[in-house]
PDB file of N, CA and C in Angstrom:
ATOM      1  N   MET A   1     -75.891  61.793  19.763  1.00  0.00           N
ATOM      2  CA  MET A   1     -74.427  61.738  20.909  1.00  0.00           C
ATOM      3  C   MET A   1     -73.874  60.846  20.712  1.00  0.00           C
ATOM      4  N   ASN A   2     -72.507  61.332  20.671  1.00  0.00           N
ATOM      5  CA  ASN A   2     -70.793  60.599  20.716  1.00  0.00           C
ATOM      6  C   ASN A   2     -70.708  59.624  21.661  1.00  0.00           C
ATOM      7  N   GLU A   3     -69.918  58.531  21.123  1.00  0.00           N
ATOM      8  CA  GLU A   3     -69.766  57.323  21.879  1.00  0.00           C
ATOM      9  C   GLU A   3     -69.021  57.469  23.071  1.00  0.00           C
ATOM     10  N   LYS A   4     -68.244  58.737  23.182  1.00  0.00           N
ATOM     11  CA  LYS A   4     -67.420  59.115  24.475  1.00  0.00           C
ATOM     12  C   LYS A   4     -69.170  59.234  25.496  1.00  0.00           C
ATOM     13  N   ASN A   5     -69.574  60.667  24.944  1.00  0.00           N
ATOM     14  CA  ASN A   5     -70.484  61.031  26.121  1.00  0.00           C
ATOM     15  C   ASN A   5     -72.022  60.188  26.258  1.00  0.00           C
ATOM     16  N   PHE A   6     -72.082  59.051  25.451  1.00  0.00           N
ATOM     17  CA  PHE A   6     -72.733  58.033  25.604  1.00  0.00           C
ATOM     18  C   PHE A   6     -72.121  57.041  26.854  1.00  0.00           C
ATOM     19  N   GLU A   7     -71.242  57.051  26.802  1.00  0.00           N
ATOM     20  CA  GLU A   7     -70.592  55.603  27.547  1.00  0.00           C
ATOM     21  C   GLU A   7     -70.685  56.384  29.559  1.00  0.00           C
ATOM     22  N   LYS A   8     -70.353  57.644  29.242  1.00  0.00           N
ATOM     23  CA  LYS A   8     -70.658  58.346  30.480  1.00  0.00           C
ATOM     24  C   LYS A   8     -71.774  58.560  31.137  1.00  0.00           C
ATOM     25  N   LEU A   9     -72.857  58.596  30.121  1.00  0.00           N
ATOM     26  CA  LEU A   9     -74.417  58.316  30.592  1.00  0.00           C
ATOM     27  C   LEU A   9     -74.419  56.854  30.675  1.00  0.00           C
ATOM     28  N   ILE A  10     -73.980  55.712  30.172  1.00  0.00           N
ATOM     29  CA  ILE A  10     -74.384  54.550  30.740  1.00  0.00           C
ATOM     30  C   ILE A  10     -73.602  54.428  31.822  1.00  0.00           C
ATOM     31  N   SER A  11     -72.562  54.640  32.227  1.00  0.00           N
ATOM     32  CA  SER A  11     -71.588  54.619  33.838  1.00  0.00           C
ATOM     33  C   SER A  11     -72.482  55.100  34.615  1.00  0.00           C
ATOM     34  N   ALA A  12     -72.978  56.284  34.400  1.00  0.00           N
ATOM     35  CA  ALA A  12     -73.812  56.940  35.522  1.00  0.00           C
ATOM     36  C   ALA A  12     -74.864  56.586  35.547  1.00  0.00           C
ATOM     37  N   ALA A  13     -75.817  55.850  34.641  1.00  0.00           N
ATOM     38  CA  ALA A  13     -76.909  55.068  34.684  1.00  0.00           C
ATOM     39  C   ALA A  13     -76.677  53.520  35.587  1.00  0.00           C
ATOM     40  N   SER A  14     -75.841  53.258  35.433  1.00  0.00           N
ATOM     41  CA  SER A  14     -75.442  51.726  35.862  1.00  0.00           C
ATOM     42  C   SER A  14     -74.898  51.971  37.578  1.00  0.00           C
ATOM     43  N   GLU A  15     -74.684  53.184  37.466  1.00  0.00           N
ATOM     44  CA  GLU A  15     -73.734  53.621  38.960  1.00  0.00           C
ATOM     45  C   GLU A  15     -75.379  53.761  39.880  1.00  0.00           C
ATOM     46  N   LYS A  16     -76.234  54.328  39.305  1.00  0.00           N
ATOM     47  CA  LYS A  16     -77.817  54.694  39.942  1.00  0.00           C
ATOM     48  C   LYS A  16     -78.639  53.418  39.718  1.00  0.00           C
ATOM     49  N   LEU A  17     -78.647  52.306  38.967  1.00  0.00           N
ATOM     50  CA  LEU A  17     -79.443  51.501  38.648  1.00  0.00           C
ATOM     51  C   LEU A  17     -78.932  50.185  39.722  1.00  0.00           C
ATOM     52  N   GLY A  18     -77.348  50.383  40.202  1.00  0.00           N
ATOM     53  CA  GLY A  18     -76.475  49.588  40.694  1.00  0.00           C
ATOM     54  C   GLY A  18     -76.223  48.116  39.845  1.00  0.00           C
ATOM     55  N   THR A  19     -75.981  48.231  38.688  1.00  0.00           N
ATOM     56  CA  THR A  19     -75.559  47.283  38.018  1.00  0.00           C
ATOM     57  C   THR A  19     -74.403  47.783  37.438  1.00  0.00           C
ATOM     58  N   SER A  20     -73.504  47.226  36.459  1.00  0.00           N
ATOM     59  CA  SER A  20     -72.515  47.355  35.575  1.00  0.00           C
ATOM     60  C   SER A  20     -73.040  47.982  34.359  1.00  0.00           C
ATOM     61  N   PRO A  21     -71.913  48.911  33.660  1.00  0.00           N
ATOM     62  CA  PRO A  21     -72.241  49.308  32.434  1.00  0.00           C
ATOM     63  C   PRO A  21     -72.277  48.583  31.575  1.00  0.00           C
ATOM     64  N   ASP A  22     -71.461  46.953  31.283  1.00  0.00           N
ATOM     65  CA  ASP A  22     -72.071  46.180  30.459  1.00  0.00           C
ATOM     66  C   ASP A  22     -72.877  45.519  30.360  1.00  0.00           C
ATOM     67  N   LYS A  23     -73.461  45.048  32.038  1.00  0.00           N
ATOM     68  CA  LYS A  23     -74.537  44.541  32.052  1.00  0.00           C
ATOM     69  C   LYS A  23     -75.904  45.604  31.379  1.00  0.00           C
ATOM     70  N   LEU A  24     -75.927  46.759  31.735  1.00  0.00           N
ATOM     71  CA  LEU A  24     -76.690  47.601  31.333  1.00  0.00           C
ATOM     72  C   LEU A  24     -77.079  47.744  30.029  1.00  0.00           C
ATOM     73  N   LYS A  25     -75.517  47.979  29.148  1.00  0.00           N
ATOM     74  CA  LYS A  25     -75.871  47.957  27.611  1.00  0.00           C
ATOM     75  C   LYS A  25     -76.913  46.810  27.032  1.00  0.00           C
ATOM     76  N   LYS A  26     -75.951  45.633  27.564  1.00  0.00           N
ATOM     77  CA  LYS A  26     -76.838  44.394  27.532  1.00  0.00           C
ATOM     78  C   LYS A  26     -78.446  44.358  27.431  1.00  0.00           C
ATOM     79  N   THR A  27     -78.832  44.911  28.661  1.00  0.00           N
ATOM     80  CA  THR A  27     -80.235  44.608  29.157  1.00  0.00           C
ATOM     81  C   THR A  27     -80.793  45.829  28.159  1.00  0.00           C
ATOM     82  N   LEU A  28     -80.552  46.954  27.606  1.00  0.00           N
ATOM     83  CA  LEU A  28     -80.975  47.773  26.873  1.00  0.00           C
ATOM     84  C   LEU A  28     -81.193  47.050  25.359  1.00  0.00           C
ATOM     85  N   GLU A  29     -79.980  46.727  25.383  1.00  0.00           N
ATOM     86  CA  GLU A  29     -79.813  46.236  23.563  1.00  0.00           C
ATOM     87  C   GLU A  29     -81.128  44.788  23.199  1.00  0.00           C
ATOM     88  N   ASN A  30     -81.323  44.411  24.490  1.00  0.00           N
ATOM     89  CA  ASN A  30     -82.292  43.159  24.889  1.00  0.00           C
ATOM     90  C   ASN A  30     -83.987  43.571  24.966  1.00  0.00           C
ATOM     91  N   GLY A  31     -83.828  44.971  25.471  1.00  0.00           N
ATOM     92  CA  GLY A  31     -85.234  45.257  25.377  1.00  0.00           C
ATOM     93  C   GLY A  31     -85.459  44.824  27.106  1.00  0.00           C
ATOM     94  N   ASP A  32     -85.091  44.572  27.945  1.00  0.00           N
ATOM     95  CA  ASP A  32     -85.480  43.449  29.249  1.00  0.00           C
ATOM     96  C   ASP A  32     -85.637  44.871  30.044  1.00  0.00           C
ATOM     97  N   MET A  33     -86.823  45.461  29.830  1.00  0.00           N
ATOM     98  CA  MET A  33     -87.498  46.750  30.815  1.00  0.00           C
ATOM     99  C   MET A  33     -87.375  45.954  32.256  1.00  0.00           C
ATOM    100  N   LYS A  34     -88.083  44.602  32.082  1.00  0.00           N
ATOM    101  CA  LYS A  34     -88.363  44.273  34.164  1.00  0.00           C
ATOM    102  C   LYS A  34     -86.643  44.170  34.709  1.00  0.00           C
ATOM    103  N   SER A  35     -85.721  43.761  33.496  1.00  0.00           N
ATOM    104  CA  SER A  35     -84.307  43.276  34.535  1.00  0.00           C
ATOM    105  C   SER A  35     -84.111  44.851  34.677  1.00  0.00           C
ATOM    106  N   LEU A  36     -84.217  45.991  33.693  1.00  0.00           N
ATOM    107  CA  LEU A  36     -83.814  47.161  33.924  1.00  0.00           C
ATOM    108  C   LEU A  36     -84.172  47.931  35.291  1.00  0.00           C
ATOM    109  N   THR A  37     -85.529  47.306  35.306  1.00  0.00           N
ATOM    110  CA  THR A  37     -86.166  48.352  36.120  1.00  0.00           C
ATOM    111  C   THR A  37     -86.399  47.634  37.815  1.00  0.00           C
ATOM    112  N   SER A  38     -85.868  46.368  37.487  1.00  0.00           N
ATOM    113  CA  SER A  38     -85.573  45.753  39.136  1.00  0.00           C
ATOM    114  C   SER A  38     -85.694  46.480  40.464  1.00  0.00           C
ATOM    115  N   GLY A  39     -84.478  46.858  40.059  1.00  0.00           N
ATOM    116  CA  GLY A  39     -83.609  47.880  41.392  1.00  0.00           C
ATOM    117  C   GLY A  39     -84.146  48.973  41.891  1.00  0.00           C
ATOM    118  N   LEU A  40     -85.473  49.564  41.214  1.00  0.00           N
ATOM    119  CA  LEU A  40     -85.765  50.976  41.290  1.00  0.00           C
ATOM    120  C   LEU A  40     -87.271  50.827  41.886  1.00  0.00           C
ATOM    121  N   SER A  41     -87.215  51.971  42.708  1.00  0.00           N
ATOM    122  CA  SER A  41     -88.877  52.157  43.541  1.00  0.00           C
ATOM    123  C   SER A  41     -89.881  52.257  42.592  1.00  0.00           C
ATOM    124  N   LYS A  42     -90.784  51.995  43.391  1.00  0.00           N
ATOM    125  CA  LYS A  42     -92.120  52.277  42.343  1.00  0.00           C
ATOM    126  C   LYS A  42     -92.350  53.713  41.868  1.00  0.00           C
ATOM    127  N   SER A  43     -91.850  54.494  42.808  1.00  0.00           N
ATOM    128  CA  SER A  43     -92.152  56.221  42.158  1.00  0.00           C
ATOM    129  C   SER A  43     -90.864  56.188  40.783  1.00  0.00           C
ATOM    130  N   ASP A  44     -90.092  55.638  40.826  1.00  0.00           N
ATOM    131  CA  ASP A  44     -88.833  55.366  39.566  1.00  0.00           C
ATOM    132  C   ASP A  44     -89.344  55.160  38.567  1.00  0.00           C
ATOM    133  N   LYS A  45     -89.767  53.720  38.974  1.00  0.00           N
ATOM    134  CA  LYS A  45     -90.451  53.177  37.658  1.00  0.00           C
ATOM    135  C   LYS A  45     -91.637  53.565  36.699  1.00  0.00           C
ATOM    136  N   ALA A  46     -92.715  54.306  37.868  1.00  0.00           N
ATOM    137  CA  ALA A  46     -93.734  55.293  37.389  1.00  0.00           C
ATOM    138  C   ALA A  46     -92.970  56.158  36.426  1.00  0.00           C
ATOM    139  N   LYS A  47     -92.215  56.569  36.664  1.00  0.00           N
ATOM    140  CA  LYS A  47     -91.548  58.103  35.904  1.00  0.00           C
ATOM    141  C   LYS A  47     -90.724  57.605  34.643  1.00  0.00           C
ATOM    142  N   LEU A  48     -89.991  56.402  34.707  1.00  0.00           N
ATOM    143  CA  LEU A  48     -89.173  55.762  33.519  1.00  0.00           C
ATOM    144  C   LEU A  48     -90.217  55.073  32.759  1.00  0.00           C
ATOM    145  N   ARG A  49     -91.418  54.758  33.131  1.00  0.00           N
ATOM    146  CA  ARG A  49     -92.752  54.538  32.223  1.00  0.00           C
ATOM    147  C   ARG A  49     -93.355  55.642  31.630  1.00  0.00           C
ATOM    148  N   GLU A  50     -93.355  56.649  32.394  1.00  0.00           N
ATOM    149  CA  GLU A  50     -93.992  57.745  31.710  1.00  0.00           C
ATOM    150  C   GLU A  50     -92.889  58.519  30.679  1.00  0.00           C
ATOM    151  N   ILE A  51     -91.791  58.229  31.267  1.00  0.00           N
ATOM    152  CA  ILE A  51     -90.746  59.203  30.105  1.00  0.00           C
ATOM    153  C   ILE A  51     -90.776  58.039  28.640  1.00  0.00           C
ATOM    154  N   LEU A  52     -90.432  57.083  28.975  1.00  0.00           N
ATOM    155  CA  LEU A  52     -90.715  56.104  27.706  1.00  0.00           C
ATOM    156  C   LEU A  52     -91.885  55.845  26.744  1.00  0.00           C
ATOM    157  N   SER A  53     -93.141  56.169  27.379  1.00  0.00           N
ATOM    158  CA  SER A  53     -94.171  56.616  26.928  1.00  0.00           C
ATOM    159  C   SER A  53     -94.569  57.734  25.942  1.00  0.00           C
ATOM    160  N   ASN A  54     -93.524  58.814  25.917  1.00  0.00           N
ATOM    161  CA  ASN A  54     -93.621  60.075  25.576  1.00  0.00           C
ATOM    162  C   ASN A  54     -92.573  60.110  24.296  1.00  0.00           C
ATOM    163  N   GLU A  55     -93.568  59.460  23.002  1.00  0.00           N
ATOM    164  CA  GLU A  55     -92.543  59.870  22.143  1.00  0.00           C
ATOM    165  C   GLU A  55     -91.514  60.911  21.633  1.00  0.00           C
ATOM    166  N   GLU A  56     -92.451  62.476  22.144  1.00  0.00           N
ATOM    167  CA  GLU A  56     -91.672  63.275  21.586  1.00  0.00           C
ATOM    168  C   GLU A  56     -90.645  63.345  22.500  1.00  0.00           C
ATOM    169  N   LEU A  57     -90.386  63.114  23.742  1.00  0.00           N
ATOM    170  CA  LEU A  57     -89.168  62.964  24.837  1.00  0.00           C
ATOM    171  C   LEU A  57     -88.158  62.051  24.578  1.00  0.00           C
ATOM    172  N   VAL A  58     -89.187  60.891  24.078  1.00  0.00           N
ATOM    173  CA  VAL A  58     -87.723  59.814  23.475  1.00  0.00           C
ATOM    174  C   VAL A  58     -86.654  60.234  22.754  1.00  0.00           C
ATOM    175  N   LYS A  59     -87.604  61.094  21.424  1.00  0.00           N
ATOM    176  CA  LYS A  59     -86.688  61.617  20.087  1.00  0.00           C
ATOM    177  C   LYS A  59     -85.859  62.572  20.626  1.00  0.00           C
ATOM    178  N   LYS A  60     -86.239  63.439  21.669  1.00  0.00           N
ATOM    179  CA  LYS A  60     -84.805  64.837  22.472  1.00  0.00           C
ATOM    180  C   LYS A  60     -84.288  63.926  22.996  1.00  0.00           C
ATOM    181  N   LEU A  61     -84.463  62.921  23.573  1.00  0.00           N
ATOM    182  CA  LEU A  61     -83.243  62.466  24.418  1.00  0.00           C
ATOM    183  C   LEU A  61     -82.232  61.861  23.726  1.00  0.00           C
ATOM    184  N   LYS A  62     -82.846  60.765  22.554  1.00  0.00           N
ATOM    185  CA  LYS A  62     -81.892  60.165  21.606  1.00  0.00           C
ATOM    186  C   LYS A  62     -80.999  61.341  20.825  1.00  0.00           C
ATOM    187  N   ASN A  63     -81.752  62.529  20.607  1.00  0.00           N
ATOM    188  CA  ASN A  63     -80.797  63.704  19.884  1.00  0.00           C
ATOM    189  C   ASN A  63     -79.782  64.358  20.591  1.00  0.00           C
ATOM    190  N   ALA A  64     -79.979  64.346  21.986  1.00  0.00           N
ATOM    191  CA  ALA A  64     -79.181  64.741  22.877  1.00  0.00           C
ATOM    192  C   ALA A  64     -77.721  64.492  22.910  1.00  0.00           C
ATOM    193  N   SER A  65     -77.149  65.707  22.837  1.00  0.00           N
ATOM    194  CA  SER A  65     -75.535  65.602  22.359  1.00  0.00           C
ATOM    195  C   SER A  65     -74.155  64.813  23.679  1.00  0.00           C
ATOM    196  N   ASP A  66     -75.027  65.182  24.965  1.00  0.00           N
ATOM    197  CA  ASP A  66     -74.184  64.305  25.700  1.00  0.00           C
ATOM    198  C   ASP A  66     -75.239  64.482  26.969  1.00  0.00           C
ATOM    199  N   PRO A  67     -74.845  63.561  28.327  1.00  0.00           N
ATOM    200  CA  PRO A  67     -75.400  63.648  29.235  1.00  0.00           C
ATOM    201  C   PRO A  67     -76.060  64.897  30.140  1.00  0.00           C
ATOM    202  N   LYS A  68     -75.386  65.932  29.857  1.00  0.00           N
ATOM    203  CA  LYS A  68     -75.489  67.299  30.381  1.00  0.00           C
ATOM    204  C   LYS A  68     -76.979  67.685  29.592  1.00  0.00           C
ATOM    205  N   GLU A  69     -77.338  67.404  28.399  1.00  0.00           N
ATOM    206  CA  GLU A  69     -78.320  67.471  27.512  1.00  0.00           C
ATOM    207  C   GLU A  69     -79.262  66.858  28.000  1.00  0.00           C
ATOM    208  N   VAL A  70     -79.009  65.625  28.268  1.00  0.00           N
ATOM    209  CA  VAL A  70     -80.121  64.402  28.648  1.00  0.00           C
ATOM    210  C   VAL A  70     -80.561  65.188  29.422  1.00  0.00           C
ATOM    211  N   MET A  71     -79.779  65.908  31.072  1.00  0.00           N
ATOM    212  CA  MET A  71     -80.418  65.707  32.047  1.00  0.00           C
ATOM    213  C   MET A  71     -81.224  67.556  32.006  1.00  0.00           C
ATOM    214  N   ARG A  72     -80.914  68.139  31.142  1.00  0.00           N
ATOM    215  CA  ARG A  72     -81.821  69.329  30.776  1.00  0.00           C
ATOM    216  C   ARG A  72     -82.978  68.523  30.194  1.00  0.00           C
ATOM    217  N   VAL A  73     -83.364  67.957  29.013  1.00  0.00           N
ATOM    218  CA  VAL A  73     -84.123  67.292  28.417  1.00  0.00           C
ATOM    219  C   VAL A  73     -85.273  66.908  29.666  1.00  0.00           C
ATOM    220  N   LEU A  74     -84.974  66.262  30.070  1.00  0.00           N
ATOM    221  CA  LEU A  74     -85.686  65.268  31.063  1.00  0.00           C
ATOM    222  C   LEU A  74     -86.361  66.701  32.748  1.00  0.00           C
ATOM    223  N   ASN A  75     -84.939  67.624  32.947  1.00  0.00           N
ATOM    224  CA  ASN A  75     -85.874  68.503  33.709  1.00  0.00           C
ATOM    225  C   ASN A  75     -86.673  69.558  33.240  1.00  0.00           C
ATOM    226  N   GLU A  76     -86.896  69.673  31.667  1.00  0.00           N
ATOM    227  CA  GLU A  76     -87.718  70.518  31.235  1.00  0.00           C
ATOM    228  C   GLU A  76     -89.183  69.953  30.886  1.00  0.00           C
ATOM    229  N   LYS A  77     -89.109  68.417  30.892  1.00  0.00           N
ATOM    230  CA  LYS A  77     -90.569  67.817  30.928  1.00  0.00           C
ATOM    231  C   LYS A  77     -91.734  68.230  31.755  1.00  0.00           C
TER     232      LYS A  77
END
């Protein structure tokens, strides 16, 4: 994923999570999952845990070329 698409994805995710893009980036860099998931519902937390525990899916997400590709990968799981 190129930097421009990564920024779009971070922006969209931060909006959904109710945080700023910079704060989300720092949270991801630090691996602070508790902080990342604090604003999520129980079902969204469960979905995120499910996604992150699936190594094959995480590889596909890392290789996604843009946010649309990320959504396609997530929708096919």
